[in-house]
Amino acid sequence: MARPPLTLAALATAAVPGLEVRGVRTHTRRSHGGYDSVLLRAADGRHLVIRAPRSQTAESEQSADLVAIRAMTPGIRSLLPFRVPAFIGQAPIDGTRAIVTEFLPGAVLTADELTEHESLAWSVGTAIAAIHTLPGGFIGDAGLPRETAEEAHDGVVELIGRAADTGHLPAAILRRWEQATDDQALWRFRPTVVNGSLTADSILVDGDIVTAIVGWGALAVGDPARDLHWLLTSRGAAAEFALEAYTRGRAGVADGHLPQRALLYGELELARWLLHGVERRDTAIIEDAVSLLDGLVERVHDRSSEPLSPDTGPILAVGDVERMLDDTPRDHLPREGGATLLTDSYDFSELERREAGERPMASADATAPIPLDLSDWGDAAPPEPPHRPTGDAAAVAEPAADAQERRNAASS
């Protein structure tokens, strides 16, 4: 049962000494039902948000986010061209705790919308680069994960192995992924500070400027490709501007294989979805994951997208993977330690609605991804000015109606 807004407002006054609340309204920013959340207007003019988790998953996510934002000192925040939520207070409620943070205004757009216009796309790329150029010392000071390139590689190998052990992973997919992990050149990179779970939903904008980034529960030092997976799936007309802005922001030190690893992480989301179904012993999820993997096999021979490495042959464009996952419940799975991936993206509230028999939302866009020229990534300075690449077009995605029909069949 949802907690009443006035109850949370009263709790906020206990969490923040001296707080006088003048206005209250229910607040949601694509939280997908994981929290009871209220926007507060204080007498001193501040706007605050109080959130209380509804599930153990949401509680774990909120706790990780709290550790991360408290680790980001004023000095670290000053290095970023956008705002990060600040912790204000907390109070116990129903065996968990409600957290009060400052409210950061801004619009939430889709990945395609964030990369539709040049100026906003440039701001997006610059914002991600700013994260990846932060000094990593504060990560260790806060006890947050620090992952080497070798550990990132081993984490991917371990994930692939677990997926293969289910007996549901097609041999062609296993072979391509193993060839990618065997390509040592792909894993020669310098770990950076990463958000770790960055998606379009994390980014708040005002006009053509990124004003804030929220959702820092996977903050770590690790593979910067994790934060670029969602960007490489975008189909906005100015997506290449975001990529160039990122490269410029990294001062030309972004490794040349970063885009390929980002694409690999995108494909591995299918493995994570399969494992999630196996761990929950949910036949419907397993069948859905198998269907999605079969679709990946069908597209692997199209030879229409960037290869993961010279040895892997043609692969499915991550945009196709994303569209196959459009109606798949996604949100953050519980964080795993060690060398595991930080690319969780499962929405457990959608899963709950699906299990309750509700129809998942259909994909809003089934158009093909724009072909991005990844040849200019690497240690060399980026070319001027940015331009639309040439070459083979990306593979055409399966129609949204066909994808929905397959999912309905897998779920019945």
Protein backbone atom coordinates (compact mmCIF):
# COMPACT_ATOMS: atom_id res chain seq x y z
CA MET A 1 0.00 0.00 0.00
CA ALA A 2 1.30 3.43 -0.92
CA ARG A 3 2.18 5.69 1.95
CA PRO A 4 0.10 8.91 2.05
CA PRO A 5 1.96 12.07 0.94
CA LEU A 6 1.19 13.85 4.21
CA THR A 7 2.70 10.96 6.16
CA LEU A 8 5.94 11.29 4.20
CA ALA A 9 5.87 15.07 4.58
CA ALA A 10 5.62 14.69 8.35
CA LEU A 11 8.46 12.17 8.24
CA ALA A 12 10.59 14.68 6.33
CA THR A 13 10.29 17.17 9.19
CA ALA A 14 11.71 14.50 11.49
CA ALA A 15 14.52 13.74 9.05
CA VAL A 16 15.49 17.38 8.56
CA PRO A 17 15.58 19.45 11.77
CA GLY A 18 13.94 22.83 11.36
CA LEU A 19 12.24 21.93 8.08
CA GLU A 20 8.91 23.68 7.61
CA VAL A 21 6.87 22.24 4.77
CA ARG A 22 4.58 24.60 2.88
CA GLY A 23 3.55 22.39 -0.05
CA VAL A 24 3.32 18.68 -0.82
CA ARG A 25 2.59 16.67 -3.94
CA THR A 26 3.23 13.15 -5.13
CA HIS A 27 6.38 12.91 -7.20
CA THR A 28 7.41 10.32 -9.75
CA ARG A 29 10.23 10.45 -12.25
CA ARG A 30 10.06 7.10 -13.97
CA SER A 31 10.59 5.28 -10.68
CA HIS A 32 8.22 2.56 -11.97
CA GLY A 33 6.57 2.11 -8.60
CA GLY A 34 9.73 1.23 -6.67
CA TYR A 35 9.27 4.06 -4.18
CA ASP A 36 6.71 6.20 -2.44
CA SER A 37 7.99 9.65 -3.34
CA VAL A 38 6.83 13.14 -2.45
CA LEU A 39 8.01 16.56 -3.61
CA LEU A 40 8.18 19.10 -0.78
CA ARG A 41 8.21 22.89 -0.92
CA ALA A 42 9.90 24.28 2.17
CA ALA A 43 9.26 27.64 3.80
CA ASP A 44 12.84 28.70 3.04
CA GLY A 45 12.23 28.20 -0.69
CA ARG A 46 13.98 24.87 -1.07
CA HIS A 47 12.43 22.03 -3.04
CA LEU A 48 13.16 18.60 -1.60
CA VAL A 49 12.21 15.01 -2.35
CA ILE A 50 11.55 12.29 0.20
CA ARG A 51 11.52 8.69 -0.98
CA ALA A 52 10.68 5.49 0.87
CA PRO A 53 11.38 2.16 -0.86
CA ARG A 54 8.57 -0.32 -1.42
CA SER A 55 10.74 -3.42 -1.89
CA GLN A 56 14.05 -4.93 -0.88
CA THR A 57 15.37 -4.27 -4.39
CA ALA A 58 14.45 -0.59 -4.16
CA GLU A 59 15.94 -0.36 -0.68
CA SER A 60 19.26 -1.82 -1.87
CA GLU A 61 19.29 0.54 -4.83
CA GLN A 62 18.58 3.55 -2.63
CA SER A 63 21.27 2.58 -0.13
CA ALA A 64 23.87 2.25 -2.89
CA ASP A 65 22.81 5.59 -4.35
CA LEU A 66 23.11 7.24 -0.94
CA VAL A 67 26.67 5.96 -0.44
CA ALA A 68 27.62 7.27 -3.86
CA ILE A 69 26.18 10.78 -3.60
CA ARG A 70 27.65 11.22 -0.12
CA ALA A 71 31.04 10.22 -1.52
CA MET A 72 30.88 13.01 -4.09
CA THR A 73 32.43 15.90 -2.20
CA PRO A 74 31.94 19.57 -3.17
CA GLY A 75 35.34 19.42 -4.85
CA ILE A 76 34.32 16.46 -7.02
CA ARG A 77 30.98 18.05 -7.86
CA SER A 78 32.70 21.24 -8.94
CA LEU A 79 34.43 19.29 -11.72
CA LEU A 80 31.12 18.30 -13.29
CA PRO A 81 29.16 20.52 -15.72
CA PHE A 82 25.88 19.33 -14.20
CA ARG A 83 24.36 18.88 -10.75
CA VAL A 84 24.18 15.75 -8.63
CA PRO A 85 21.53 15.32 -5.90
CA ALA A 86 22.65 16.26 -2.40
CA PHE A 87 21.72 14.25 0.69
CA ILE A 88 19.65 16.23 3.21
CA GLY A 89 18.44 13.76 5.83
CA GLN A 90 16.88 10.39 6.63
CA ALA A 91 14.35 8.84 8.99
CA PRO A 92 13.22 5.25 9.76
CA ILE A 93 9.89 3.99 8.45
CA ASP A 94 8.36 0.50 8.36
CA GLY A 95 11.64 -1.35 8.85
CA THR A 96 13.44 0.66 6.21
CA ARG A 97 14.37 4.33 5.88
CA ALA A 98 13.14 7.31 3.95
CA ILE A 99 15.77 9.53 2.35
CA VAL A 100 15.47 13.27 1.79
CA THR A 101 17.48 14.80 -1.06
CA GLU A 102 17.38 18.08 -2.89
CA PHE A 103 15.05 18.18 -5.87
CA LEU A 104 16.79 18.76 -9.19
CA PRO A 105 14.47 20.08 -11.91
CA GLY A 106 14.77 19.00 -15.50
CA ALA A 107 13.07 17.10 -18.28
CA VAL A 108 13.62 13.39 -18.87
CA LEU A 109 13.94 12.47 -22.55
CA THR A 110 14.42 9.27 -24.47
CA ALA A 111 17.82 8.33 -25.89
CA ASP A 112 16.63 9.30 -29.36
CA GLU A 113 15.44 12.70 -28.12
CA LEU A 114 18.71 13.34 -26.31
CA THR A 115 20.60 12.84 -29.57
CA GLU A 116 18.14 14.44 -31.99
CA HIS A 117 19.67 17.93 -31.99
CA GLU A 118 23.33 18.86 -32.22
CA SER A 119 23.60 21.17 -29.22
CA LEU A 120 21.90 18.82 -26.76
CA ALA A 121 23.76 15.80 -28.12
CA TRP A 122 27.02 17.68 -27.61
CA SER A 123 26.05 18.48 -24.01
CA VAL A 124 25.27 14.79 -23.40
CA GLY A 125 28.64 13.63 -24.71
CA THR A 126 30.43 16.31 -22.71
CA ALA A 127 28.61 15.29 -19.53
CA ILE A 128 29.60 11.64 -19.86
CA ALA A 129 33.20 12.56 -20.59
CA ALA A 130 33.26 14.73 -17.45
CA ILE A 131 32.32 11.68 -15.35
CA HIS A 132 35.06 9.61 -16.94
CA THR A 133 37.73 12.23 -16.31
CA LEU A 134 37.05 12.58 -12.59
CA PRO A 135 40.00 11.68 -10.33
CA GLY A 136 39.41 8.19 -8.97
CA GLY A 137 40.77 8.64 -5.47
CA PHE A 138 37.42 9.43 -3.90
CA ILE A 139 36.06 6.08 -5.11
CA GLY A 140 38.54 4.17 -2.98
CA ASP A 141 38.09 6.52 -0.05
CA ALA A 142 34.37 5.74 -0.01
CA GLY A 143 34.92 1.99 -0.29
CA LEU A 144 33.26 1.86 -3.71
CA PRO A 145 34.31 -0.78 -6.27
CA ARG A 146 37.50 -0.38 -8.27
CA GLU A 147 37.71 -2.73 -11.26
CA THR A 148 40.79 -3.27 -13.40
CA ALA A 149 40.62 -4.00 -17.11
CA GLU A 150 41.49 -7.61 -16.36
CA GLU A 151 38.68 -7.86 -13.83
CA ALA A 152 36.23 -6.34 -16.29
CA HIS A 153 37.26 -8.96 -18.82
CA ASP A 154 36.98 -11.76 -16.27
CA GLY A 155 33.54 -10.52 -15.23
CA VAL A 156 32.32 -10.78 -18.82
CA VAL A 157 33.83 -14.25 -19.17
CA GLU A 158 32.11 -15.33 -15.96
CA LEU A 159 28.77 -13.96 -17.12
CA ILE A 160 29.04 -15.74 -20.47
CA GLY A 161 29.98 -18.96 -18.70
CA ARG A 162 26.94 -18.80 -16.42
CA ALA A 163 24.69 -18.16 -19.40
CA ALA A 164 26.23 -21.10 -21.27
CA ASP A 165 25.72 -23.36 -18.25
CA THR A 166 21.95 -22.85 -18.49
CA GLY A 167 21.94 -24.84 -21.73
CA HIS A 168 19.83 -22.15 -23.42
CA LEU A 169 22.58 -20.09 -25.06
CA PRO A 170 22.80 -20.67 -28.84
CA ALA A 171 26.18 -22.00 -29.95
CA ALA A 172 26.62 -19.22 -32.51
CA ILE A 173 26.13 -16.55 -29.87
CA LEU A 174 28.43 -18.29 -27.41
CA ARG A 175 31.11 -18.57 -30.07
CA ARG A 176 30.94 -14.87 -31.00
CA TRP A 177 31.03 -13.71 -27.40
CA GLU A 178 33.95 -16.03 -26.59
CA GLN A 179 35.84 -14.73 -29.63
CA ALA A 180 35.32 -11.20 -28.35
CA THR A 181 36.69 -12.09 -24.91
CA ASP A 182 39.64 -13.89 -26.54
CA ASP A 183 40.59 -10.71 -28.41
CA GLN A 184 43.07 -9.22 -25.96
CA ALA A 185 43.22 -5.92 -27.85
CA LEU A 186 39.56 -5.34 -26.99
CA TRP A 187 40.39 -5.30 -23.27
CA ARG A 188 43.35 -2.94 -23.25
CA PHE A 189 41.85 0.15 -21.69
CA ARG A 190 42.39 2.50 -18.80
CA PRO A 191 39.63 2.18 -16.14
CA THR A 192 37.88 5.44 -15.30
CA VAL A 193 35.28 6.68 -12.87
CA VAL A 194 31.93 5.46 -14.22
CA ASN A 195 28.33 6.03 -13.27
CA GLY A 196 27.93 2.33 -13.99
CA SER A 197 24.19 2.30 -14.68
CA LEU A 198 23.81 5.38 -16.86
CA THR A 199 20.76 5.47 -19.13
CA ALA A 200 18.72 8.18 -20.82
CA ASP A 201 16.43 8.17 -17.77
CA SER A 202 19.38 9.28 -15.62
CA ILE A 203 19.84 12.55 -17.50
CA LEU A 204 17.86 15.71 -16.75
CA VAL A 205 17.88 18.53 -19.28
CA ASP A 206 16.74 22.11 -19.64
CA GLY A 207 16.49 23.05 -23.29
CA ASP A 208 19.77 22.06 -24.92
CA ILE A 209 21.75 21.63 -21.71
CA VAL A 210 22.25 18.65 -19.42
CA THR A 211 21.48 20.12 -16.00
CA ALA A 212 21.69 17.07 -13.73
CA ILE A 213 22.36 13.35 -13.60
CA VAL A 214 20.61 11.13 -11.06
CA GLY A 215 20.97 7.45 -10.17
CA TRP A 216 24.50 6.88 -8.90
CA GLY A 217 24.09 3.52 -7.16
CA ALA A 218 26.67 1.78 -9.40
CA LEU A 219 29.35 4.49 -9.07
CA ALA A 220 32.76 2.84 -9.40
CA VAL A 221 36.07 2.79 -11.22
CA GLY A 222 35.69 0.48 -14.18
CA ASP A 223 35.16 0.16 -17.91
CA PRO A 224 33.93 3.45 -19.42
CA ALA A 225 32.11 1.43 -22.09
CA ARG A 226 29.44 0.67 -19.51
CA ASP A 227 28.18 4.24 -19.62
CA LEU A 228 28.07 4.37 -23.42
CA HIS A 229 25.92 1.34 -24.15
CA TRP A 230 22.68 3.33 -24.16
CA LEU A 231 24.19 6.11 -26.28
CA LEU A 232 25.31 3.72 -29.01
CA THR A 233 21.74 2.42 -29.26
CA SER A 234 20.24 5.87 -29.83
CA ARG A 235 18.83 6.72 -33.23
CA GLY A 236 18.85 10.50 -32.99
CA ALA A 237 20.02 12.40 -36.04
CA ALA A 238 22.88 14.03 -34.10
CA ALA A 239 24.14 10.97 -32.22
CA GLU A 240 27.60 11.33 -33.77
CA PHE A 241 27.87 14.78 -32.19
CA ALA A 242 27.49 13.19 -28.76
CA LEU A 243 30.20 10.68 -29.62
CA GLU A 244 32.60 13.37 -30.81
CA ALA A 245 31.89 15.55 -27.78
CA TYR A 246 32.72 12.57 -25.60
CA THR A 247 35.99 11.95 -27.42
CA ARG A 248 36.97 15.61 -27.19
CA GLY A 249 36.07 15.67 -23.51
CA ARG A 250 38.36 12.73 -22.92
CA ALA A 251 41.17 14.73 -24.58
CA GLY A 252 41.74 12.01 -27.16
CA VAL A 253 42.51 9.26 -24.64
CA ALA A 254 39.38 7.15 -25.19
CA ASP A 255 40.61 3.71 -26.28
CA GLY A 256 39.88 2.62 -29.83
CA HIS A 257 37.87 -0.45 -28.85
CA LEU A 258 35.53 1.30 -26.43
CA PRO A 259 32.56 1.28 -28.86
CA GLN A 260 32.95 -2.43 -29.52
CA ARG A 261 32.91 -3.23 -25.80
CA ALA A 262 29.84 -1.05 -25.37
CA LEU A 263 28.11 -3.06 -28.10
CA LEU A 264 29.17 -6.29 -26.41
CA TYR A 265 27.70 -5.12 -23.10
CA GLY A 266 24.48 -4.43 -24.97
CA GLU A 267 24.28 -7.97 -26.31
CA LEU A 268 25.11 -9.38 -22.90
CA GLU A 269 21.90 -7.85 -21.56
CA LEU A 270 20.19 -10.84 -23.19
CA ALA A 271 22.39 -13.16 -21.14
CA ARG A 272 21.54 -11.26 -17.97
CA TRP A 273 17.83 -11.52 -18.74
CA LEU A 274 18.17 -15.29 -19.28
CA LEU A 275 20.04 -15.70 -16.00
CA HIS A 276 17.44 -13.62 -14.19
CA GLY A 277 14.74 -16.00 -15.40
CA VAL A 278 16.77 -19.05 -14.37
CA GLU A 279 17.49 -17.64 -10.92
CA ARG A 280 13.78 -16.89 -10.40
CA ARG A 281 12.79 -20.23 -11.95
CA ASP A 282 10.37 -18.29 -14.10
CA THR A 283 9.57 -20.28 -17.22
CA ALA A 284 7.99 -17.31 -18.99
CA ILE A 285 11.14 -15.19 -18.58
CA ILE A 286 13.38 -18.05 -19.71
CA GLU A 287 11.26 -18.68 -22.80
CA ASP A 288 11.26 -14.97 -23.58
CA ALA A 289 15.05 -14.79 -23.24
CA VAL A 290 15.47 -17.84 -25.49
CA SER A 291 13.21 -16.24 -28.08
CA LEU A 292 15.26 -13.05 -27.98
CA LEU A 293 18.50 -14.99 -28.33
CA ASP A 294 17.04 -16.87 -31.30
CA GLY A 295 16.26 -13.51 -32.86
CA LEU A 296 19.87 -12.51 -32.32
CA VAL A 297 21.03 -15.63 -34.15
CA GLU A 298 18.77 -14.83 -37.10
CA ARG A 299 20.37 -11.40 -37.48
CA VAL A 300 23.98 -12.37 -36.91
CA HIS A 301 24.52 -13.17 -40.58
CA ASP A 302 23.22 -9.84 -41.88
CA ARG A 303 26.75 -8.38 -41.98
CA SER A 304 25.25 -4.94 -41.48
CA SER A 305 26.78 -3.67 -38.23
CA GLU A 306 30.12 -2.98 -36.60
CA PRO A 307 32.02 -6.14 -35.51
CA LEU A 308 32.92 -6.71 -31.88
CA SER A 309 36.47 -7.49 -32.97
CA PRO A 310 38.21 -8.53 -36.20
CA ASP A 311 37.72 -12.19 -35.25
CA THR A 312 34.03 -12.18 -34.36
CA GLY A 313 32.45 -11.64 -37.75
CA PRO A 314 29.14 -9.83 -38.19
CA ILE A 315 27.08 -9.03 -35.12
CA LEU A 316 23.64 -7.75 -34.35
CA ALA A 317 23.47 -3.99 -33.96
CA VAL A 318 22.85 -3.11 -30.33
CA GLY A 319 19.93 -1.02 -31.50
CA ASP A 320 18.31 -4.28 -32.61
CA VAL A 321 19.06 -5.84 -29.23
CA GLU A 322 17.50 -2.86 -27.49
CA ARG A 323 14.39 -3.02 -29.63
CA MET A 324 14.05 -6.73 -28.85
CA LEU A 325 14.23 -5.76 -25.18
CA ASP A 326 11.81 -2.84 -25.53
CA ASP A 327 8.94 -4.76 -23.92
CA THR A 328 11.10 -6.82 -21.61
CA PRO A 329 10.82 -5.80 -17.94
CA ARG A 330 13.98 -3.93 -17.01
CA ASP A 331 15.42 -2.16 -14.00
CA HIS A 332 18.38 -2.45 -11.67
CA LEU A 333 19.17 -5.92 -10.40
CA PRO A 334 20.91 -6.15 -7.00
CA ARG A 335 24.53 -5.08 -7.26
CA GLU A 336 27.06 -7.85 -7.34
CA GLY A 337 30.55 -7.53 -6.00
CA GLY A 338 33.93 -8.24 -7.51
CA ALA A 339 34.28 -8.21 -11.24
CA THR A 340 30.63 -8.46 -12.18
CA LEU A 341 29.01 -6.10 -14.64
CA LEU A 342 27.36 -2.88 -13.58
CA THR A 343 25.05 -2.68 -16.58
CA ASP A 344 21.85 -3.78 -14.85
CA SER A 345 18.72 -2.57 -16.56
CA TYR A 346 15.73 -4.62 -15.48
CA ASP A 347 12.53 -2.92 -14.38
CA PHE A 348 11.10 -5.08 -11.64
CA SER A 349 7.96 -2.98 -11.37
CA GLU A 350 7.21 -3.83 -15.00
CA LEU A 351 7.99 -7.46 -14.18
CA GLU A 352 5.46 -7.34 -11.36
CA ARG A 353 2.85 -5.86 -13.70
CA ARG A 354 3.63 -8.54 -16.26
CA GLU A 355 3.31 -11.30 -13.66
CA ALA A 356 -0.02 -9.80 -12.64
CA GLY A 357 -1.22 -10.31 -16.20
CA GLU A 358 -1.02 -6.72 -17.41
CA ARG A 359 0.02 -6.11 -21.01
CA PRO A 360 3.52 -4.60 -21.37
CA MET A 361 3.88 -1.29 -23.17
CA ALA A 362 4.66 -1.58 -26.85
CA SER A 363 7.85 -0.19 -28.33
CA ALA A 364 7.48 3.46 -29.25
CA ASP A 365 9.90 3.30 -32.16
CA ALA A 366 10.77 0.46 -34.49
CA THR A 367 12.89 2.39 -36.94
CA ALA A 368 16.41 1.29 -37.74
CA PRO A 369 19.38 2.76 -35.84
CA ILE A 370 21.40 5.41 -37.58
CA PRO A 371 24.75 4.12 -38.87
CA LEU A 372 27.46 5.58 -36.65
CA ASP A 373 31.02 5.82 -37.90
CA LEU A 374 33.16 4.38 -35.09
CA SER A 375 36.42 4.42 -37.02
CA ASP A 376 37.57 7.73 -35.56
CA TRP A 377 37.56 6.52 -31.94
CA GLY A 378 40.92 6.07 -30.27
CA ASP A 379 43.97 7.89 -29.11
CA ALA A 380 44.14 10.30 -32.04
CA ALA A 381 42.45 13.67 -31.82
CA PRO A 382 38.96 13.65 -33.36
CA PRO A 383 38.45 15.11 -36.83
CA GLU A 384 36.84 18.46 -37.53
CA PRO A 385 34.04 19.00 -38.06
CA PRO A 386 31.82 16.03 -37.11
CA HIS A 387 30.05 14.50 -40.07
CA ARG A 388 27.59 11.77 -40.83
CA PRO A 389 29.42 8.55 -41.65
CA THR A 390 29.19 6.54 -44.85
CA GLY A 391 29.05 2.80 -45.35
CA ASP A 392 26.55 -0.01 -45.01
CA ALA A 393 23.29 0.78 -43.26
CA ALA A 394 22.43 -0.86 -39.96
CA ALA A 395 20.19 -3.90 -39.94
CA VAL A 396 16.46 -3.24 -40.01
CA ALA A 397 14.81 -4.00 -36.69
CA GLU A 398 11.98 -6.49 -36.45
CA PRO A 399 8.56 -4.78 -36.60
CA ALA A 400 7.25 -3.80 -33.19
CA ALA A 401 4.04 -5.76 -33.74
CA ASP A 402 6.04 -8.93 -34.53
CA ALA A 403 8.19 -8.42 -31.45
CA GLN A 404 5.09 -7.97 -29.30
CA GLU A 405 3.49 -11.08 -30.76
CA ARG A 406 6.57 -13.13 -29.93
CA ARG A 407 6.66 -11.85 -26.38
CA ASN A 408 2.97 -12.55 -25.85
CA ALA A 409 3.46 -16.06 -27.15
CA ALA A 410 6.46 -16.60 -24.88
CA SER A 411 4.54 -15.35 -21.88
CA SER A 412 1.39 -17.43 -22.44
